[in-house]
C-alpha atoms as a PDB file:
ATOM      1  CA  MET A   1      -1.270  -4.240  60.518  1.00  0.00           C
ATOM      2  CA  THR A   2       2.145  -2.907  62.087  1.00  0.00           C
ATOM      3  CA  SER A   3       2.216  -0.407  64.900  1.00  0.00           C
ATOM      4  CA  ARG A   4       4.115   2.589  63.733  1.00  0.00           C
ATOM      5  CA  THR A   5       4.484   6.005  65.105  1.00  0.00           C
ATOM      6  CA  CYS A   6       3.879   9.288  63.214  1.00  0.00           C
ATOM      7  CA  THR A   7       4.990  12.698  64.229  1.00  0.00           C
ATOM      8  CA  THR A   8       2.406  15.175  64.147  1.00  0.00           C
ATOM      9  CA  SER A   9       2.486  18.858  64.667  1.00  0.00           C
ATOM     10  CA  THR A  10      -0.653  20.362  66.225  1.00  0.00           C
ATOM     11  CA  ARG A  11      -1.366  23.593  67.976  1.00  0.00           C
ATOM     12  CA  ASN A  12      -1.687  21.728  71.289  1.00  0.00           C
ATOM     13  CA  ALA A  13       1.174  19.292  71.154  1.00  0.00           C
ATOM     14  CA  PRO A  14       4.083  20.187  68.651  1.00  0.00           C
ATOM     15  CA  GLY A  15       5.977  16.994  67.623  1.00  0.00           C
ATOM     16  CA  ALA A  16       3.602  14.698  69.620  1.00  0.00           C
ATOM     17  CA  GLN A  17       3.737  11.212  68.864  1.00  0.00           C
ATOM     18  CA  ARG A  18       0.725   9.166  67.831  1.00  0.00           C
ATOM     19  CA  PRO A  19      -0.128   5.824  66.090  1.00  0.00           C
ATOM     20  CA  CYS A  20      -0.528   6.059  62.485  1.00  0.00           C
ATOM     21  CA  SER A  21      -4.066   5.859  60.923  1.00  0.00           C
ATOM     22  CA  ALA A  22      -4.981   2.845  58.939  1.00  0.00           C
ATOM     23  CA  PRO A  23      -4.198   4.571  55.420  1.00  0.00           C
ATOM     24  CA  GLU A  24      -0.862   5.685  56.603  1.00  0.00           C
ATOM     25  CA  SER A  25       0.084   2.172  57.860  1.00  0.00           C
ATOM     26  CA  GLU A  26      -1.371   0.494  54.728  1.00  0.00           C
ATOM     27  CA  PHE A  27       0.062   2.369  51.937  1.00  0.00           C
ATOM     28  CA  ASP A  28       3.643   3.274  50.750  1.00  0.00           C
ATOM     29  CA  PRO A  29       4.512   6.658  49.973  1.00  0.00           C
ATOM     30  CA  VAL A  30       5.033   7.575  46.337  1.00  0.00           C
ATOM     31  CA  PRO A  31       8.505   8.876  45.808  1.00  0.00           C
ATOM     32  CA  PHE A  32       9.272  12.209  44.305  1.00  0.00           C
ATOM     33  CA  ASP A  33      12.236  11.181  42.415  1.00  0.00           C
ATOM     34  CA  ALA A  34      14.306  12.416  39.287  1.00  0.00           C
ATOM     35  CA  GLU A  35      11.625  11.186  36.861  1.00  0.00           C
ATOM     36  CA  THR A  36       8.883  12.868  38.895  1.00  0.00           C
ATOM     37  CA  ALA A  37      10.825  16.034  39.013  1.00  0.00           C
ATOM     38  CA  ARG A  38      11.145  15.958  35.118  1.00  0.00           C
ATOM     39  CA  THR A  39       7.348  15.449  34.925  1.00  0.00           C
ATOM     40  CA  TYR A  40       6.788  18.417  37.303  1.00  0.00           C
ATOM     41  CA  GLY A  41       8.382  20.526  34.481  1.00  0.00           C
ATOM     42  CA  ARG A  42       5.663  19.231  31.916  1.00  0.00           C
ATOM     43  CA  VAL A  43       3.122  19.863  34.467  1.00  0.00           C
ATOM     44  CA  ALA A  44       4.220  23.312  35.145  1.00  0.00           C
ATOM     45  CA  ALA A  45       4.411  24.119  31.421  1.00  0.00           C
ATOM     46  CA  ALA A  46       0.834  22.781  30.763  1.00  0.00           C
ATOM     47  CA  VAL A  47      -0.436  24.985  33.555  1.00  0.00           C
ATOM     48  CA  ILE A  48       1.315  28.000  32.002  1.00  0.00           C
ATOM     49  CA  ALA A  49      -0.123  27.168  28.700  1.00  0.00           C
ATOM     50  CA  ALA A  50      -3.634  27.151  30.164  1.00  0.00           C
ATOM     51  CA  GLY A  51      -3.108  30.691  31.502  1.00  0.00           C
ATOM     52  CA  ARG A  52      -2.560  29.712  35.088  1.00  0.00           C
ATOM     53  CA  LYS A  53       0.500  30.332  37.367  1.00  0.00           C
ATOM     54  CA  PRO A  54       2.085  27.152  38.661  1.00  0.00           C
ATOM     55  CA  ARG A  55       3.881  28.838  41.562  1.00  0.00           C
ATOM     56  CA  ARG A  56       0.645  29.308  43.588  1.00  0.00           C
ATOM     57  CA  ARG A  57      -0.269  25.648  43.225  1.00  0.00           C
ATOM     58  CA  SER A  58       3.201  23.930  43.558  1.00  0.00           C
ATOM     59  CA  ALA A  59       2.028  21.310  46.172  1.00  0.00           C
ATOM     60  CA  ASP A  60      -1.040  20.377  43.956  1.00  0.00           C
ATOM     61  CA  LEU A  61       1.255  20.290  40.776  1.00  0.00           C
ATOM     62  CA  MET A  62       3.799  17.915  42.773  1.00  0.00           C
ATOM     63  CA  ILE A  63       0.947  15.496  43.426  1.00  0.00           C
ATOM     64  CA  ALA A  64       0.011  15.723  39.778  1.00  0.00           C
ATOM     65  CA  ALA A  65       3.546  14.888  38.694  1.00  0.00           C
ATOM     66  CA  CYS A  66       3.560  11.810  41.103  1.00  0.00           C
ATOM     67  CA  ALA A  67       0.330  10.549  39.605  1.00  0.00           C
ATOM     68  CA  ILE A  68       1.707  10.884  36.091  1.00  0.00           C
ATOM     69  CA  ALA A  69       5.064   9.376  36.751  1.00  0.00           C
ATOM     70  CA  GLU A  70       3.480   6.524  38.406  1.00  0.00           C
ATOM     71  CA  ASP A  71       0.805   6.141  35.735  1.00  0.00           C
ATOM     72  CA  LEU A  72      -2.009   6.463  38.454  1.00  0.00           C
ATOM     73  CA  PRO A  73      -5.232   8.487  38.315  1.00  0.00           C
ATOM     74  CA  LEU A  74      -5.667  11.444  40.608  1.00  0.00           C
ATOM     75  CA  PHE A  75      -8.530  11.340  43.037  1.00  0.00           C
ATOM     76  CA  THR A  76      -9.390  14.783  44.374  1.00  0.00           C
ATOM     77  CA  THR A  77     -12.095  16.837  46.259  1.00  0.00           C
ATOM     78  CA  ASN A  78     -10.795  19.962  44.396  1.00  0.00           C
ATOM     79  CA  PRO A  79     -10.648  19.026  40.510  1.00  0.00           C
ATOM     80  CA  ASP A  80     -10.255  22.706  39.577  1.00  0.00           C
ATOM     81  CA  ASP A  81      -6.930  22.786  41.125  1.00  0.00           C
ATOM     82  CA  TYR A  82      -5.912  20.467  38.111  1.00  0.00           C
ATOM     83  CA  ALA A  83      -7.428  22.454  35.228  1.00  0.00           C
ATOM     84  CA  GLY A  84      -5.253  22.461  32.129  1.00  0.00           C
ATOM     85  CA  LEU A  85      -3.773  18.942  32.964  1.00  0.00           C
ATOM     86  CA  GLU A  86      -6.404  16.897  31.426  1.00  0.00           C
ATOM     87  CA  LYS A  87      -4.092  15.673  28.645  1.00  0.00           C
ATOM     88  CA  LEU A  88      -1.451  14.600  31.207  1.00  0.00           C
ATOM     89  CA  VAL A  89      -3.527  12.860  33.938  1.00  0.00           C
ATOM     90  CA  ARG A  90      -6.785  11.479  34.696  1.00  0.00           C
ATOM     91  CA  VAL A  91      -8.435  13.505  37.388  1.00  0.00           C
ATOM     92  CA  ILE A  92     -11.334  12.016  39.367  1.00  0.00           C
ATOM     93  CA  PRO A  93     -13.412  14.061  41.397  1.00  0.00           C
ATOM     94  CA  VAL A  94     -14.496  12.657  44.656  1.00  0.00           C
ATOM     95  CA  THR A  95     -16.848  13.798  47.399  1.00  0.00           C
ATOM     96  CA  ARG A  96     -15.215  14.517  50.952  1.00  0.00           C
ATOM     97  CA  PRO A  97     -17.306  12.856  53.722  1.00  0.00           C
ATOM     98  CA  PRO A  98     -18.588  15.281  56.250  1.00  0.00           C
ATOM     99  CA  LEU A  99     -16.499  15.889  59.289  1.00  0.00           C
ATOM    100  CA  PRO A 100     -17.968  14.788  62.700  1.00  0.00           C
ATOM    101  CA  HIS A 101     -18.481  18.561  63.606  1.00  0.00           C
ATOM    102  CA  GLU A 102     -20.187  19.187  60.230  1.00  0.00           C
ATOM    103  CA  ASN A 103     -23.026  16.606  61.227  1.00  0.00           C
ATOM    104  CA  LYS A 104     -24.308  18.413  64.132  1.00  0.00           C
ATOM    105  CA  PRO A 105     -27.559  20.410  63.885  1.00  0.00           C
END
């Protein structure tokens, strides 16, 4: 594993540098390129056809467009965010593990 540094923006230390976590250092980002932008248009149209508003969920729809363009399934803890996209992308619900502070009695 290489030692990279990521910029974070936290309330206590804006722009602080920290080592990347394992997932950040082991995976390459999926680009949002011209093909993905065209796919985003299809995704937005599908959301509108399902009676939903794409503007309020643009980040979710960008994620869906990336998954579709790369022919990947979309794993999410919020499958309802992708309602109306069933014909375009395979949405796989996952359970979020509890955060450390949630395990306290």
